[in-house]
Protein backbone atom coordinates (compact mmCIF):
# COMPACT_ATOMS: atom_id res chain seq x y z
CA MET A 1 -49.17 61.56 -123.18
CA SER A 2 -46.70 60.21 -120.48
CA LYS A 3 -44.75 57.62 -122.65
CA LEU A 4 -43.40 60.72 -124.39
CA ALA A 5 -42.60 62.71 -121.54
CA ILE A 6 -38.85 63.08 -120.60
CA LYS A 7 -37.99 61.13 -117.95
CA GLU A 8 -40.57 58.08 -119.55
CA LEU A 9 -37.42 57.47 -122.19
CA TYR A 10 -34.52 58.94 -120.78
CA THR A 11 -32.19 58.98 -117.72
CA ILE A 12 -30.95 62.39 -117.78
CA ASP A 13 -27.99 61.87 -115.58
CA GLU A 14 -26.51 59.72 -118.36
CA THR A 15 -25.63 62.67 -120.65
CA ILE A 16 -23.59 65.88 -120.26
CA ALA A 17 -26.30 67.74 -121.76
CA LYS A 18 -28.47 67.25 -119.47
CA ASP A 19 -29.46 70.88 -118.32
CA ILE A 20 -31.10 71.33 -122.05
CA PHE A 21 -33.95 69.49 -121.37
CA ASP A 22 -35.09 71.90 -118.26
CA GLY A 23 -38.47 72.97 -118.66
CA ILE A 24 -39.01 70.71 -122.27
CA ARG A 25 -42.10 69.21 -122.50
CA TYR A 26 -41.53 66.98 -125.56
CA PRO A 27 -37.75 65.55 -126.30
CA TRP A 28 -37.43 66.78 -129.84
CA GLU A 29 -37.93 70.70 -128.50
CA VAL A 30 -34.14 70.48 -127.85
CA LEU A 31 -33.40 70.12 -131.03
CA SER A 32 -33.23 73.67 -132.19
CA LYS A 33 -31.26 74.31 -128.94
CA ILE A 34 -28.30 72.00 -129.37
CA HIS A 35 -26.31 74.40 -131.40
CA ASP A 36 -26.23 77.02 -128.61
CA PHE A 37 -26.23 74.66 -125.77
CA ILE A 38 -22.93 73.30 -127.31
CA LEU A 39 -21.71 77.10 -127.66
CA LYS A 40 -22.50 78.10 -123.87
CA LEU A 41 -21.42 74.61 -121.97
CA GLY A 42 -17.93 73.67 -124.03
CA PRO A 43 -15.77 77.13 -122.84
CA THR A 44 -16.97 75.47 -118.97
CA LEU A 45 -15.49 72.09 -119.64
CA SER A 46 -12.43 71.28 -117.66
CA GLN A 47 -9.55 72.03 -119.44
CA GLU A 48 -7.87 69.07 -117.39
CA GLU A 49 -10.38 66.52 -118.99
CA TYR A 50 -11.09 68.30 -122.22
CA GLU A 51 -9.18 70.26 -125.10
CA LYS A 52 -10.43 72.49 -127.26
CA LYS A 53 -9.84 71.59 -131.06
CA GLY A 54 -10.29 74.00 -134.09
CA ASP A 55 -13.41 76.13 -133.82
CA ASP A 56 -15.87 75.16 -130.87
CA ILE A 57 -14.72 71.61 -130.85
CA TRP A 58 -14.34 70.07 -127.34
CA ILE A 59 -12.88 66.62 -126.80
CA ALA A 60 -11.98 64.61 -124.23
CA LYS A 61 -8.78 63.86 -123.76
CA ASP A 62 -9.17 60.22 -123.53
CA ALA A 63 -11.18 59.95 -126.12
CA VAL A 64 -10.33 57.72 -129.08
CA ILE A 65 -10.02 59.90 -132.74
CA ALA A 66 -8.93 58.15 -135.56
CA LYS A 67 -7.12 60.23 -137.83
CA THR A 68 -9.54 60.12 -140.85
CA VAL A 69 -12.65 61.23 -138.93
CA SER A 70 -14.11 64.56 -140.17
CA ILE A 71 -15.60 66.92 -137.54
CA THR A 72 -17.34 70.24 -137.69
CA GLY A 73 -18.09 72.26 -134.57
CA PRO A 74 -20.04 73.13 -132.86
CA CYS A 75 -19.42 69.28 -130.96
CA ILE A 76 -18.44 67.81 -127.79
CA ILE A 77 -17.04 64.62 -127.49
CA GLY A 78 -17.21 63.10 -124.04
CA LYS A 79 -14.56 61.15 -121.85
CA GLY A 80 -13.83 57.77 -123.21
CA ALA A 81 -16.06 57.92 -126.47
CA GLU A 82 -14.71 56.28 -129.62
CA ILE A 83 -14.76 57.73 -133.18
CA ARG A 84 -13.74 55.16 -135.43
CA GLN A 85 -12.29 55.58 -139.12
CA SER A 86 -14.14 57.84 -141.59
CA ALA A 87 -16.99 58.89 -139.52
CA PHE A 88 -18.38 62.21 -140.29
CA ILE A 89 -19.49 64.47 -137.61
CA ARG A 90 -21.12 67.30 -139.48
CA GLY A 91 -22.18 69.89 -136.33
CA ASN A 92 -24.40 70.69 -133.70
CA ALA A 93 -23.42 66.99 -132.07
CA ILE A 94 -22.66 65.94 -128.46
CA VAL A 95 -21.48 62.30 -128.00
CA GLY A 96 -21.78 60.60 -124.82
CA GLU A 97 -19.05 59.44 -122.37
CA GLY A 98 -18.22 55.58 -123.46
CA ALA A 99 -20.12 56.58 -126.88
CA VAL A 100 -19.34 54.61 -130.37
CA VAL A 101 -19.26 56.26 -133.08
CA GLY A 102 -17.78 53.92 -136.29
CA ASN A 103 -16.80 53.75 -139.44
CA SER A 104 -18.31 56.04 -142.09
CA THR A 105 -21.44 56.87 -139.86
CA GLU A 106 -22.55 60.21 -140.08
CA LEU A 107 -24.14 62.63 -137.01
CA LYS A 108 -26.03 66.08 -137.95
CA ASN A 109 -27.89 67.85 -134.52
CA VAL A 110 -27.74 64.98 -132.15
CA ILE A 111 -27.59 64.37 -128.63
CA LEU A 112 -26.20 60.85 -127.78
CA PHE A 113 -26.13 59.83 -124.46
CA ASN A 114 -23.25 58.06 -122.29
CA LYS A 115 -22.75 54.36 -124.08
CA VAL A 116 -24.52 54.81 -127.14
CA GLN A 117 -23.37 52.91 -130.19
CA VAL A 118 -23.95 53.85 -134.15
CA PRO A 119 -20.71 51.74 -134.84
CA HIS A 120 -21.49 50.71 -138.58
CA TYR A 121 -22.84 52.74 -141.57
CA ASN A 122 -25.43 54.86 -139.48
CA TYR A 123 -26.90 58.23 -140.07
CA VAL A 124 -28.46 59.87 -137.70
CA GLY A 125 -29.46 63.01 -137.98
CA ASP A 126 -31.77 65.67 -136.13
CA SER A 127 -32.00 62.86 -133.20
CA ILE A 128 -31.51 62.09 -129.49
CA LEU A 129 -30.42 58.69 -128.61
CA GLY A 130 -30.93 57.61 -124.95
CA TYR A 131 -28.30 55.46 -122.70
CA LYS A 132 -27.18 52.44 -123.41
CA SER A 133 -28.96 52.80 -127.33
CA HIS A 134 -27.83 50.58 -130.23
CA MET A 135 -28.01 51.08 -133.93
CA GLY A 136 -27.43 47.97 -135.99
CA ALA A 137 -25.12 48.22 -138.85
CA GLY A 138 -26.98 50.48 -142.15
CA SER A 139 -29.78 51.41 -139.67
CA ILE A 140 -30.98 55.22 -140.30
CA THR A 141 -32.53 57.91 -139.12
CA SER A 142 -34.66 59.60 -141.77
CA ASN A 143 -34.83 63.12 -140.79
CA VAL A 144 -37.07 64.60 -143.41
CA LYS A 145 -40.20 63.83 -145.21
CA SER A 146 -40.36 63.23 -148.54
CA ASP A 147 -43.25 65.77 -149.21
CA LYS A 148 -41.12 68.12 -147.38
CA ARG A 149 -44.12 68.89 -144.98
CA LEU A 150 -43.41 69.45 -141.25
CA VAL A 151 -43.03 66.60 -139.02
CA VAL A 152 -46.11 65.00 -136.88
CA VAL A 153 -45.96 62.35 -134.05
CA LYS A 154 -48.22 59.84 -134.30
CA ASN A 155 -48.81 58.49 -131.21
CA GLY A 156 -52.49 56.27 -132.08
CA GLU A 157 -54.83 58.32 -132.87
CA GLU A 158 -53.27 61.25 -131.32
CA GLN A 159 -50.95 63.36 -134.27
CA ILE A 160 -48.55 65.96 -132.40
CA GLU A 161 -47.41 68.87 -134.53
CA THR A 162 -44.06 69.59 -133.89
CA GLY A 163 -43.45 72.83 -136.33
CA LEU A 164 -40.12 71.15 -137.49
CA LYS A 165 -38.97 69.67 -140.84
CA LYS A 166 -36.06 67.97 -139.91
CA PHE A 167 -36.88 65.49 -137.06
CA GLY A 168 -35.40 61.81 -137.13
CA ALA A 169 -36.04 59.61 -133.91
CA MET A 170 -36.43 59.79 -130.33
CA LEU A 171 -34.52 56.74 -128.99
CA GLY A 172 -35.35 55.95 -125.23
CA ASP A 173 -32.55 54.13 -123.07
CA ASN A 174 -31.39 50.92 -123.82
CA VAL A 175 -33.26 50.41 -127.36
CA GLU A 176 -31.94 48.07 -130.19
CA VAL A 177 -32.36 48.75 -133.58
CA GLY A 178 -31.88 45.83 -136.15
CA CYS A 179 -29.53 46.21 -139.13
CA GLY A 180 -30.55 47.41 -142.02
CA SER A 181 -33.69 49.58 -140.56
CA VAL A 182 -35.31 52.59 -141.40
CA LEU A 183 -36.29 54.89 -138.34
CA ASN A 184 -38.84 57.35 -140.63
CA PRO A 185 -39.43 61.34 -139.55
CA GLY A 186 -40.71 61.58 -136.23
CA THR A 187 -40.51 57.77 -134.88
CA VAL A 188 -40.39 57.82 -131.28
CA ILE A 189 -39.30 54.29 -129.63
CA GLY A 190 -39.80 53.77 -126.05
CA LYS A 191 -36.97 52.23 -123.40
CA ASN A 192 -35.85 48.31 -123.42
CA THR A 193 -37.28 48.38 -127.19
CA ASN A 194 -36.30 45.91 -129.95
CA ILE A 195 -36.81 47.00 -133.46
CA TYR A 196 -36.32 43.83 -136.05
CA PRO A 197 -33.47 43.87 -138.83
CA LEU A 198 -35.12 45.16 -141.87
CA SER A 199 -37.79 47.21 -140.60
CA SER A 200 -39.44 50.64 -141.54
CA VAL A 201 -40.48 52.28 -138.13
CA ARG A 202 -42.65 55.25 -137.39
CA GLY A 203 -44.93 56.73 -135.00
CA VAL A 204 -44.38 56.10 -131.60
CA ILE A 205 -43.34 52.40 -130.14
CA PRO A 206 -44.22 51.39 -126.89
CA ALA A 207 -41.63 50.51 -124.24
CA ASN A 208 -40.57 47.31 -123.34
CA SER A 209 -41.77 45.83 -126.62
CA ILE A 210 -40.57 44.33 -129.66
CA PHE A 211 -41.39 45.75 -133.14
CA LYS A 212 -41.58 42.80 -136.03
CA SER A 213 -43.55 45.05 -138.31
CA ALA A 214 -46.25 48.03 -137.91
CA ASP A 215 -49.01 45.08 -137.24
CA ASP A 216 -47.01 43.04 -135.46
CA ILE A 217 -45.46 44.68 -131.83
CA VAL A 218 -45.70 42.61 -129.02
CA ASP A 219 -44.92 42.96 -125.46
CA LYS A 220 -40.77 42.47 -124.10
CA LYS A 221 -40.50 40.05 -121.23
CA ILE A 222 -37.89 41.56 -119.10
CA THR A 223 -35.58 39.48 -117.50
CA ARG A 224 -34.04 40.58 -113.64
């Protein structure tokens, strides 16, 4: 259970949304809280650093927003973030400081911690991406099961009922997802883990590992 704890996955100080995790057992429990949290936090942001645009959209004044971007509130885009051409932010999105949301990338009901990169043709829905996590080109979170049943997190023999119909993935800090990969509903990936390109991932993947396939997950050598 410890590897699913907030502190085991995320550096909480690396998001403007750290208070949303107060009293939370599992990180996916905040997915239903993102909308109201933004509406509460947005009006408190510094008017020297943030500008309110449209309905419930707060954008840092030094963020770089391409002209072709579509943003629906509620949404907060942090300082130094870059939102590139034709990105589609559908609402309930918190984009961290220095994060990159790339061309034709779509976000919906997400928290991107600081320095997250989803730079090329990504779909990220009903998910939380930890500090400096990165999704390669064309990799996506699949957030609804094909049978439309509620999502269950599978942690070895343990199965944790989430009560959620829509739940994409929880990525810990410094996770690297290879190009063209699909993170199936209820995926949880521990810190510092690498996912091979073209992978289909589900369940809980340990921290500090390399996912080559569902039957081939090896420890990662951490250099210091």
